[in-house]
PDB file of N, CA and C in Angstrom:
ATOM      1  N   MET A   1     -67.793-153.154-170.594  1.00  0.00           N
ATOM      2  CA  MET A   1     -67.954-153.979-169.388  1.00  0.00           C
ATOM      3  C   MET A   1     -66.562-154.179-168.688  1.00  0.00           C
ATOM      4  N   GLY A   2     -66.445-154.286-167.514  1.00  0.00           N
ATOM      5  CA  GLY A   2     -65.234-154.405-166.774  1.00  0.00           C
ATOM      6  C   GLY A   2     -64.877-155.878-166.654  1.00  0.00           C
ATOM      7  N   LYS A   3     -63.984-156.194-165.602  1.00  0.00           N
ATOM      8  CA  LYS A   3     -63.579-157.721-165.513  1.00  0.00           C
ATOM      9  C   LYS A   3     -64.439-158.226-164.423  1.00  0.00           C
ATOM     10  N   LYS A   4     -64.380-159.624-164.436  1.00  0.00           N
ATOM     11  CA  LYS A   4     -65.039-160.483-163.643  1.00  0.00           C
ATOM     12  C   LYS A   4     -63.927-160.783-162.397  1.00  0.00           C
ATOM     13  N   VAL A   5     -64.385-160.327-161.236  1.00  0.00           N
ATOM     14  CA  VAL A   5     -63.347-160.488-160.144  1.00  0.00           C
ATOM     15  C   VAL A   5     -63.999-161.283-159.041  1.00  0.00           C
ATOM     16  N   LEU A   6     -63.331-162.323-158.568  1.00  0.00           N
ATOM     17  CA  LEU A   6     -63.799-163.134-157.532  1.00  0.00           C
ATOM     18  C   LEU A   6     -63.035-162.904-156.149  1.00  0.00           C
ATOM     19  N   TYR A   7     -63.762-162.573-155.150  1.00  0.00           N
ATOM     20  CA  TYR A   7     -63.314-162.423-153.715  1.00  0.00           C
ATOM     21  C   TYR A   7     -63.450-163.580-153.137  1.00  0.00           C
ATOM     22  N   PHE A   8     -62.322-164.360-152.970  1.00  0.00           N
ATOM     23  CA  PHE A   8     -62.283-165.802-152.256  1.00  0.00           C
ATOM     24  C   PHE A   8     -62.027-165.545-150.807  1.00  0.00           C
ATOM     25  N   ILE A   9     -62.932-165.597-150.064  1.00  0.00           N
ATOM     26  CA  ILE A   9     -62.826-165.375-148.571  1.00  0.00           C
ATOM     27  C   ILE A   9     -62.891-166.520-147.706  1.00  0.00           C
ATOM     28  N   SER A  10     -62.003-166.778-146.819  1.00  0.00           N
ATOM     29  CA  SER A  10     -61.856-168.094-146.044  1.00  0.00           C
ATOM     30  C   SER A  10     -61.933-167.758-144.538  1.00  0.00           C
ATOM     31  N   CYS A  11     -61.690-166.592-144.125  1.00  0.00           N
ATOM     32  CA  CYS A  11     -61.581-166.248-142.739  1.00  0.00           C
ATOM     33  C   CYS A  11     -62.510-165.287-142.278  1.00  0.00           C
ATOM     34  N   GLU A  12     -62.749-165.037-140.983  1.00  0.00           N
ATOM     35  CA  GLU A  12     -63.726-164.105-140.452  1.00  0.00           C
ATOM     36  C   GLU A  12     -63.215-162.685-140.312  1.00  0.00           C
ATOM     37  N   ASP A  13     -62.508-162.228-141.278  1.00  0.00           N
ATOM     38  CA  ASP A  13     -62.111-160.860-141.448  1.00  0.00           C
ATOM     39  C   ASP A  13     -63.002-160.031-142.329  1.00  0.00           C
ATOM     40  N   ASP A  14     -63.718-159.020-141.978  1.00  0.00           N
ATOM     41  CA  ASP A  14     -64.677-158.450-142.923  1.00  0.00           C
ATOM     42  C   ASP A  14     -63.897-157.400-143.817  1.00  0.00           C
ATOM     43  N   TYR A  15     -62.652-157.367-143.822  1.00  0.00           N
ATOM     44  CA  TYR A  15     -62.003-156.522-144.809  1.00  0.00           C
ATOM     45  C   TYR A  15     -62.203-156.879-146.185  1.00  0.00           C
ATOM     46  N   GLY A  16     -62.162-158.180-146.549  1.00  0.00           N
ATOM     47  CA  GLY A  16     -62.419-158.735-147.927  1.00  0.00           C
ATOM     48  C   GLY A  16     -63.763-158.370-148.319  1.00  0.00           C
ATOM     49  N   ILE A  17     -64.696-158.369-147.497  1.00  0.00           N
ATOM     50  CA  ILE A  17     -66.072-158.061-148.072  1.00  0.00           C
ATOM     51  C   ILE A  17     -66.260-156.584-148.087  1.00  0.00           C
ATOM     52  N   GLU A  18     -65.610-155.747-147.340  1.00  0.00           N
ATOM     53  CA  GLU A  18     -65.632-154.328-147.579  1.00  0.00           C
ATOM     54  C   GLU A  18     -64.942-153.898-148.691  1.00  0.00           C
ATOM     55  N   LEU A  19     -63.749-154.635-149.129  1.00  0.00           N
ATOM     56  CA  LEU A  19     -63.195-154.338-150.260  1.00  0.00           C
ATOM     57  C   LEU A  19     -63.938-154.682-151.576  1.00  0.00           C
ATOM     58  N   ALA A  20     -64.631-155.781-151.563  1.00  0.00           N
ATOM     59  CA  ALA A  20     -65.548-156.107-152.524  1.00  0.00           C
ATOM     60  C   ALA A  20     -66.593-155.295-152.726  1.00  0.00           C
ATOM     61  N   THR A  21     -67.146-154.780-151.622  1.00  0.00           N
ATOM     62  CA  THR A  21     -68.317-153.868-151.673  1.00  0.00           C
ATOM     63  C   THR A  21     -67.880-152.518-152.338  1.00  0.00           C
ATOM     64  N   GLU A  22     -66.692-152.202-152.066  1.00  0.00           N
ATOM     65  CA  GLU A  22     -66.253-150.803-152.595  1.00  0.00           C
ATOM     66  C   GLU A  22     -65.688-150.859-154.051  1.00  0.00           C
ATOM     67  N   HIS A  23     -65.563-152.029-154.593  1.00  0.00           N
ATOM     68  CA  HIS A  23     -64.984-152.252-155.836  1.00  0.00           C
ATOM     69  C   HIS A  23     -65.957-151.483-156.873  1.00  0.00           C
ATOM     70  N   ILE A  24     -65.137-151.000-158.011  1.00  0.00           N
ATOM     71  CA  ILE A  24     -65.864-150.223-159.028  1.00  0.00           C
ATOM     72  C   ILE A  24     -66.965-150.905-159.634  1.00  0.00           C
ATOM     73  N   ASP A  25     -67.991-150.217-160.003  1.00  0.00           N
ATOM     74  CA  ASP A  25     -69.361-150.711-160.489  1.00  0.00           C
ATOM     75  C   ASP A  25     -69.135-151.369-161.798  1.00  0.00           C
ATOM     76  N   ASP A  26     -68.091-151.027-162.676  1.00  0.00           N
ATOM     77  CA  ASP A  26     -67.983-151.500-164.007  1.00  0.00           C
ATOM     78  C   ASP A  26     -67.548-153.085-163.946  1.00  0.00           C
ATOM     79  N   ASP A  27     -67.055-153.599-162.842  1.00  0.00           N
ATOM     80  CA  ASP A  27     -66.538-154.800-162.704  1.00  0.00           C
ATOM     81  C   ASP A  27     -67.758-155.790-162.196  1.00  0.00           C
ATOM     82  N   ASP A  28     -67.742-156.950-162.654  1.00  0.00           N
ATOM     83  CA  ASP A  28     -68.711-158.045-162.167  1.00  0.00           C
ATOM     84  C   ASP A  28     -68.095-158.712-161.021  1.00  0.00           C
ATOM     85  N   ILE A  29     -68.507-158.459-159.780  1.00  0.00           N
ATOM     86  CA  ILE A  29     -68.006-158.918-158.427  1.00  0.00           C
ATOM     87  C   ILE A  29     -68.708-160.123-157.870  1.00  0.00           C
ATOM     88  N   THR A  30     -67.966-161.111-157.578  1.00  0.00           N
ATOM     89  CA  THR A  30     -68.417-162.375-156.780  1.00  0.00           C
ATOM     90  C   THR A  30     -67.774-162.396-155.484  1.00  0.00           C
ATOM     91  N   ILE A  31     -68.449-162.567-154.462  1.00  0.00           N
ATOM     92  CA  ILE A  31     -67.881-162.843-153.063  1.00  0.00           C
ATOM     93  C   ILE A  31     -68.300-164.281-152.817  1.00  0.00           C
ATOM     94  N   LEU A  32     -67.138-165.093-152.614  1.00  0.00           N
ATOM     95  CA  LEU A  32     -67.237-166.535-152.368  1.00  0.00           C
ATOM     96  C   LEU A  32     -66.829-166.716-150.937  1.00  0.00           C
ATOM     97  N   LEU A  33     -67.616-167.195-150.052  1.00  0.00           N
ATOM     98  CA  LEU A  33     -67.423-167.517-148.772  1.00  0.00           C
ATOM     99  C   LEU A  33     -67.193-168.938-148.453  1.00  0.00           C
ATOM    100  N   ILE A  34     -65.929-169.349-147.930  1.00  0.00           N
ATOM    101  CA  ILE A  34     -65.691-170.689-147.608  1.00  0.00           C
ATOM    102  C   ILE A  34     -65.236-170.786-146.203  1.00  0.00           C
ATOM    103  N   GLN A  35     -65.106-172.021-145.540  1.00  0.00           N
ATOM    104  CA  GLN A  35     -64.559-172.170-144.254  1.00  0.00           C
ATOM    105  C   GLN A  35     -65.338-171.402-143.273  1.00  0.00           C
ATOM    106  N   ASN A  36     -64.680-170.819-142.354  1.00  0.00           N
ATOM    107  CA  ASN A  36     -65.351-169.909-141.393  1.00  0.00           C
ATOM    108  C   ASN A  36     -65.956-168.551-141.827  1.00  0.00           C
ATOM    109  N   ALA A  37     -65.577-168.248-143.075  1.00  0.00           N
ATOM    110  CA  ALA A  37     -66.098-166.976-143.639  1.00  0.00           C
ATOM    111  C   ALA A  37     -67.630-167.185-143.865  1.00  0.00           C
ATOM    112  N   VAL A  38     -68.177-168.332-143.950  1.00  0.00           N
ATOM    113  CA  VAL A  38     -69.598-168.649-144.256  1.00  0.00           C
ATOM    114  C   VAL A  38     -70.402-167.833-142.928  1.00  0.00           C
ATOM    115  N   TYR A  39     -69.763-167.605-141.831  1.00  0.00           N
ATOM    116  CA  TYR A  39     -70.566-166.935-140.806  1.00  0.00           C
ATOM    117  C   TYR A  39     -71.056-165.678-141.324  1.00  0.00           C
ATOM    118  N   PHE A  40     -70.339-165.044-142.266  1.00  0.00           N
ATOM    119  CA  PHE A  40     -70.802-163.788-142.839  1.00  0.00           C
ATOM    120  C   PHE A  40     -71.962-163.740-143.518  1.00  0.00           C
ATOM    121  N   ALA A  41     -72.575-164.955-144.072  1.00  0.00           N
ATOM    122  CA  ALA A  41     -73.701-165.070-144.645  1.00  0.00           C
ATOM    123  C   ALA A  41     -74.948-164.990-143.923  1.00  0.00           C
ATOM    124  N   ASN A  42     -74.823-164.792-142.676  1.00  0.00           N
ATOM    125  CA  ASN A  42     -75.888-164.732-141.593  1.00  0.00           C
ATOM    126  C   ASN A  42     -76.848-163.556-141.920  1.00  0.00           C
ATOM    127  N   LYS A  43     -78.141-163.845-141.822  1.00  0.00           N
ATOM    128  CA  LYS A  43     -79.239-162.910-142.332  1.00  0.00           C
ATOM    129  C   LYS A  43     -79.046-161.507-141.568  1.00  0.00           C
ATOM    130  N   SER A  44     -78.477-161.561-140.355  1.00  0.00           N
ATOM    131  CA  SER A  44     -78.396-160.250-139.631  1.00  0.00           C
ATOM    132  C   SER A  44     -77.023-159.633-139.783  1.00  0.00           C
ATOM    133  N   ASN A  45     -76.178-160.069-140.556  1.00  0.00           N
ATOM    134  CA  ASN A  45     -74.834-159.480-140.876  1.00  0.00           C
ATOM    135  C   ASN A  45     -74.980-158.199-141.710  1.00  0.00           C
ATOM    136  N   LYS A  46     -74.636-157.040-140.956  1.00  0.00           N
ATOM    137  CA  LYS A  46     -74.875-155.665-141.681  1.00  0.00           C
ATOM    138  C   LYS A  46     -73.851-155.633-142.871  1.00  0.00           C
ATOM    139  N   ILE A  47     -72.696-155.991-142.798  1.00  0.00           N
ATOM    140  CA  ILE A  47     -71.629-155.874-143.914  1.00  0.00           C
ATOM    141  C   ILE A  47     -72.137-156.653-145.141  1.00  0.00           C
ATOM    142  N   MET A  48     -72.732-157.871-144.826  1.00  0.00           N
ATOM    143  CA  MET A  48     -73.223-158.730-145.890  1.00  0.00           C
ATOM    144  C   MET A  48     -74.382-158.112-146.595  1.00  0.00           C
ATOM    145  N   ALA A  49     -75.178-157.459-145.800  1.00  0.00           N
ATOM    146  CA  ALA A  49     -76.407-156.832-146.348  1.00  0.00           C
ATOM    147  C   ALA A  49     -76.031-155.691-147.208  1.00  0.00           C
ATOM    148  N   GLN A  50     -75.025-154.924-146.796  1.00  0.00           N
ATOM    149  CA  GLN A  50     -74.453-153.844-147.678  1.00  0.00           C
ATOM    150  C   GLN A  50     -74.046-154.345-148.991  1.00  0.00           C
ATOM    151  N   ALA A  51     -73.317-155.511-149.029  1.00  0.00           N
ATOM    152  CA  ALA A  51     -72.733-156.042-150.221  1.00  0.00           C
ATOM    153  C   ALA A  51     -73.935-156.478-151.175  1.00  0.00           C
ATOM    154  N   LEU A  52     -74.918-157.107-150.526  1.00  0.00           N
ATOM    155  CA  LEU A  52     -76.078-157.622-151.290  1.00  0.00           C
ATOM    156  C   LEU A  52     -76.864-156.312-151.967  1.00  0.00           C
ATOM    157  N   SER A  53     -76.968-155.310-151.153  1.00  0.00           N
ATOM    158  CA  SER A  53     -77.708-154.128-151.623  1.00  0.00           C
ATOM    159  C   SER A  53     -76.997-153.485-152.783  1.00  0.00           C
ATOM    160  N   LYS A  54     -75.701-153.802-152.949  1.00  0.00           N
ATOM    161  CA  LYS A  54     -74.957-153.147-154.028  1.00  0.00           C
ATOM    162  C   LYS A  54     -74.833-154.237-155.157  1.00  0.00           C
ATOM    163  N   ASN A  55     -75.818-155.081-155.179  1.00  0.00           N
ATOM    164  CA  ASN A  55     -75.865-156.082-156.347  1.00  0.00           C
ATOM    165  C   ASN A  55     -74.522-156.950-156.535  1.00  0.00           C
ATOM    166  N   LYS A  56     -73.860-157.170-155.374  1.00  0.00           N
ATOM    167  CA  LYS A  56     -72.665-158.229-155.586  1.00  0.00           C
ATOM    168  C   LYS A  56     -73.222-159.496-155.435  1.00  0.00           C
ATOM    169  N   ARG A  57     -72.712-160.392-156.184  1.00  0.00           N
ATOM    170  CA  ARG A  57     -73.099-161.889-156.082  1.00  0.00           C
ATOM    171  C   ARG A  57     -72.337-162.346-154.907  1.00  0.00           C
ATOM    172  N   VAL A  58     -73.113-163.016-154.070  1.00  0.00           N
ATOM    173  CA  VAL A  58     -72.584-163.685-152.862  1.00  0.00           C
ATOM    174  C   VAL A  58     -72.859-165.287-152.995  1.00  0.00           C
ATOM    175  N   ALA A  59     -71.932-165.982-152.793  1.00  0.00           N
ATOM    176  CA  ALA A  59     -72.010-167.439-152.715  1.00  0.00           C
ATOM    177  C   ALA A  59     -71.311-167.927-151.429  1.00  0.00           C
ATOM    178  N   ALA A  60     -71.835-169.003-150.968  1.00  0.00           N
ATOM    179  CA  ALA A  60     -71.139-169.603-149.755  1.00  0.00           C
ATOM    180  C   ALA A  60     -71.168-171.237-150.002  1.00  0.00           C
ATOM    181  N   CYS A  61     -70.124-171.819-149.599  1.00  0.00           N
ATOM    182  CA  CYS A  61     -69.909-173.230-149.562  1.00  0.00           C
ATOM    183  C   CYS A  61     -70.990-173.926-148.883  1.00  0.00           C
ATOM    184  N   LYS A  62     -71.852-174.680-149.561  1.00  0.00           N
ATOM    185  CA  LYS A  62     -72.866-175.391-148.923  1.00  0.00           C
ATOM    186  C   LYS A  62     -72.398-176.459-147.937  1.00  0.00           C
ATOM    187  N   GLU A  63     -71.348-177.221-148.120  1.00  0.00           N
ATOM    188  CA  GLU A  63     -70.863-178.110-147.107  1.00  0.00           C
ATOM    189  C   GLU A  63     -70.267-177.340-145.900  1.00  0.00           C
ATOM    190  N   ASP A  64     -69.722-176.165-146.033  1.00  0.00           N
ATOM    191  CA  ASP A  64     -69.221-175.345-144.795  1.00  0.00           C
ATOM    192  C   ASP A  64     -70.404-174.839-144.113  1.00  0.00           C
ATOM    193  N   VAL A  65     -71.467-174.494-144.712  1.00  0.00           N
ATOM    194  CA  VAL A  65     -72.624-173.959-144.069  1.00  0.00           C
ATOM    195  C   VAL A  65     -73.311-175.177-143.265  1.00  0.00           C
ATOM    196  N   GLU A  66     -73.392-176.284-143.811  1.00  0.00           N
ATOM    197  CA  GLU A  66     -74.029-177.437-143.174  1.00  0.00           C
ATOM    198  C   GLU A  66     -73.129-177.978-142.074  1.00  0.00           C
ATOM    199  N   ILE A  67     -71.878-178.060-142.116  1.00  0.00           N
ATOM    200  CA  ILE A  67     -70.989-178.521-141.132  1.00  0.00           C
ATOM    201  C   ILE A  67     -71.175-177.619-139.845  1.00  0.00           C
ATOM    202  N   ARG A  68     -71.452-176.223-140.069  1.00  0.00           N
ATOM    203  CA  ARG A  68     -71.452-175.394-139.069  1.00  0.00           C
ATOM    204  C   ARG A  68     -72.870-175.230-138.472  1.00  0.00           C
ATOM    205  N   GLY A  69     -73.902-176.014-139.063  1.00  0.00           N
ATOM    206  CA  GLY A  69     -75.292-175.808-138.632  1.00  0.00           C
ATOM    207  C   GLY A  69     -75.857-174.506-138.860  1.00  0.00           C
ATOM    208  N   LEU A  70     -75.501-173.887-139.953  1.00  0.00           N
ATOM    209  CA  LEU A  70     -76.067-172.574-140.328  1.00  0.00           C
ATOM    210  C   LEU A  70     -77.205-172.441-141.290  1.00  0.00           C
ATOM    211  N   ASN A  71     -77.723-173.588-141.791  1.00  0.00           N
ATOM    212  CA  ASN A  71     -78.702-173.589-142.710  1.00  0.00           C
ATOM    213  C   ASN A  71     -79.825-172.727-142.580  1.00  0.00           C
ATOM    214  N   ASN A  72     -80.282-172.537-141.388  1.00  0.00           N
ATOM    215  CA  ASN A  72     -81.536-171.731-141.011  1.00  0.00           C
ATOM    216  C   ASN A  72     -81.185-170.280-140.955  1.00  0.00           C
ATOM    217  N   TYR A  73     -79.925-169.897-140.854  1.00  0.00           N
ATOM    218  CA  TYR A  73     -79.478-168.630-140.613  1.00  0.00           C
ATOM    219  C   TYR A  73     -78.958-167.939-141.867  1.00  0.00           C
ATOM    220  N   ILE A  74     -78.863-168.409-142.913  1.00  0.00           N
ATOM    221  CA  ILE A  74     -78.200-167.861-144.127  1.00  0.00           C
ATOM    222  C   ILE A  74     -79.289-167.184-144.938  1.00  0.00           C
ATOM    223  N   SER A  75     -78.930-166.029-145.398  1.00  0.00           N
ATOM    224  CA  SER A  75     -79.788-165.149-146.104  1.00  0.00           C
ATOM    225  C   SER A  75     -80.216-165.875-147.431  1.00  0.00           C
ATOM    226  N   ASP A  76     -81.432-165.554-147.817  1.00  0.00           N
ATOM    227  CA  ASP A  76     -81.883-166.160-149.007  1.00  0.00           C
ATOM    228  C   ASP A  76     -81.273-165.677-150.287  1.00  0.00           C
ATOM    229  N   LYS A  77     -80.541-164.555-150.195  1.00  0.00           N
ATOM    230  CA  LYS A  77     -80.011-163.937-151.230  1.00  0.00           C
ATOM    231  C   LYS A  77     -78.600-164.524-151.385  1.00  0.00           C
ATOM    232  N   VAL A  78     -78.152-165.379-150.490  1.00  0.00           N
ATOM    233  CA  VAL A  78     -76.835-165.907-150.624  1.00  0.00           C
ATOM    234  C   VAL A  78     -76.959-167.270-151.420  1.00  0.00           C
ATOM    235  N   GLU A  79     -76.204-167.448-152.406  1.00  0.00           N
ATOM    236  CA  GLU A  79     -76.231-168.718-153.248  1.00  0.00           C
ATOM    237  C   GLU A  79     -75.449-169.866-152.570  1.00  0.00           C
ATOM    238  N   LEU A  80     -75.926-170.851-152.157  1.00  0.00           N
ATOM    239  CA  LEU A  80     -75.231-171.884-151.662  1.00  0.00           C
ATOM    240  C   LEU A  80     -74.681-172.934-152.777  1.00  0.00           C
ATOM    241  N   VAL A  81     -73.471-173.065-152.870  1.00  0.00           N
ATOM    242  CA  VAL A  81     -72.796-173.715-153.884  1.00  0.00           C
ATOM    243  C   VAL A  81     -72.036-174.904-153.487  1.00  0.00           C
ATOM    244  N   SER A  82     -71.907-176.086-154.269  1.00  0.00           N
ATOM    245  CA  SER A  82     -71.173-177.255-153.864  1.00  0.00           C
ATOM    246  C   SER A  82     -69.715-177.007-154.073  1.00  0.00           C
ATOM    247  N   SER A  83     -68.759-177.898-153.545  1.00  0.00           N
ATOM    248  CA  SER A  83     -67.331-177.857-153.912  1.00  0.00           C
ATOM    249  C   SER A  83     -67.098-177.829-155.273  1.00  0.00           C
ATOM    250  N   ALA A  84     -68.010-178.787-156.120  1.00  0.00           N
ATOM    251  CA  ALA A  84     -67.642-178.731-157.702  1.00  0.00           C
ATOM    252  C   ALA A  84     -68.014-177.401-158.307  1.00  0.00           C
ATOM    253  N   GLU A  85     -69.182-176.705-157.808  1.00  0.00           N
ATOM    254  CA  GLU A  85     -69.460-175.429-158.277  1.00  0.00           C
ATOM    255  C   GLU A  85     -68.319-174.378-158.052  1.00  0.00           C
ATOM    256  N   ILE A  86     -67.703-174.568-156.997  1.00  0.00           N
ATOM    257  CA  ILE A  86     -66.788-173.551-156.580  1.00  0.00           C
ATOM    258  C   ILE A  86     -65.600-173.525-157.734  1.00  0.00           C
ATOM    259  N   ILE A  87     -65.302-174.680-158.195  1.00  0.00           N
ATOM    260  CA  ILE A  87     -64.261-174.901-159.143  1.00  0.00           C
ATOM    261  C   ILE A  87     -64.845-174.039-160.308  1.00  0.00           C
ATOM    262  N   ASP A  88     -65.969-174.229-160.712  1.00  0.00           N
ATOM    263  CA  ASP A  88     -66.503-173.485-161.892  1.00  0.00           C
ATOM    264  C   ASP A  88     -66.514-171.912-161.644  1.00  0.00           C
ATOM    265  N   ILE A  89     -66.772-171.603-160.537  1.00  0.00           N
ATOM    266  CA  ILE A  89     -66.868-170.142-160.175  1.00  0.00           C
ATOM    267  C   ILE A  89     -65.376-169.668-160.360  1.00  0.00           C
ATOM    268  N   VAL A  90     -64.394-170.265-159.896  1.00  0.00           N
ATOM    269  CA  VAL A  90     -63.138-169.882-160.011  1.00  0.00           C
ATOM    270  C   VAL A  90     -62.638-169.675-161.415  1.00  0.00           C
ATOM    271  N   PHE A  91     -63.045-170.465-162.268  1.00  0.00           N
ATOM    272  CA  PHE A  91     -62.640-170.377-163.616  1.00  0.00           C
ATOM    273  C   PHE A  91     -63.437-169.505-164.496  1.00  0.00           C
ATOM    274  N   GLU A  92     -64.617-168.987-164.004  1.00  0.00           N
ATOM    275  CA  GLU A  92     -65.449-168.127-164.479  1.00  0.00           C
ATOM    276  C   GLU A  92     -65.043-166.633-164.451  1.00  0.00           C
ATOM    277  N   ASN A  93     -63.937-166.481-163.653  1.00  0.00           N
ATOM    278  CA  ASN A  93     -63.409-165.131-163.364  1.00  0.00           C
ATOM    279  C   ASN A  93     -62.100-164.612-163.868  1.00  0.00           C
ATOM    280  N   ASP A  94     -61.861-163.414-164.069  1.00  0.00           N
ATOM    281  CA  ASP A  94     -60.765-162.911-164.732  1.00  0.00           C
ATOM    282  C   ASP A  94     -59.655-162.742-163.708  1.00  0.00           C
ATOM    283  N   ASN A  95     -60.000-162.293-162.424  1.00  0.00           N
ATOM    284  CA  ASN A  95     -59.116-161.998-161.357  1.00  0.00           C
ATOM    285  C   ASN A  95     -59.729-162.633-160.102  1.00  0.00           C
ATOM    286  N   ILE A  96     -58.678-163.105-159.256  1.00  0.00           N
ATOM    287  CA  ILE A  96     -59.143-163.571-157.941  1.00  0.00           C
ATOM    288  C   ILE A  96     -58.317-162.761-156.853  1.00  0.00           C
ATOM    289  N   VAL A  97     -59.081-162.404-155.832  1.00  0.00           N
ATOM    290  CA  VAL A  97     -58.557-161.881-154.672  1.00  0.00           C
ATOM    291  C   VAL A  97     -58.827-162.829-153.499  1.00  0.00           C
ATOM    292  N   ASN A  98     -57.693-163.197-152.934  1.00  0.00           N
ATOM    293  CA  ASN A  98     -57.781-164.313-151.924  1.00  0.00           C
ATOM    294  C   ASN A  98     -57.644-163.591-150.592  1.00  0.00           C
ATOM    295  N   MET A  99     -58.590-163.737-149.749  1.00  0.00           N
ATOM    296  CA  MET A  99     -58.497-163.114-148.500  1.00  0.00           C
ATOM    297  C   MET A  99     -58.555-164.010-147.301  1.00  0.00           C
TER     298      MET A  99
END
């Protein structure tokens, strides 16, 4: 088994999601969306659908989703996590890629 790698994405640049999607299959990949990056969790976002189809774990900050009024637009496959849970996710991983 490979490493646990967290892609910590905070901006509306799809490069981080593309990079995480192309990551080798041996590694356990989590994509964590915060701040304006939560817009990527939209049900109709094609790049996020691609990441989800490749069995990447995708989580979004619940507070950031709520502040932006996106609750009804988030894919059911995206895990909504609290700020406290974000800290747990950070410490669960071997490597972090901050985008």
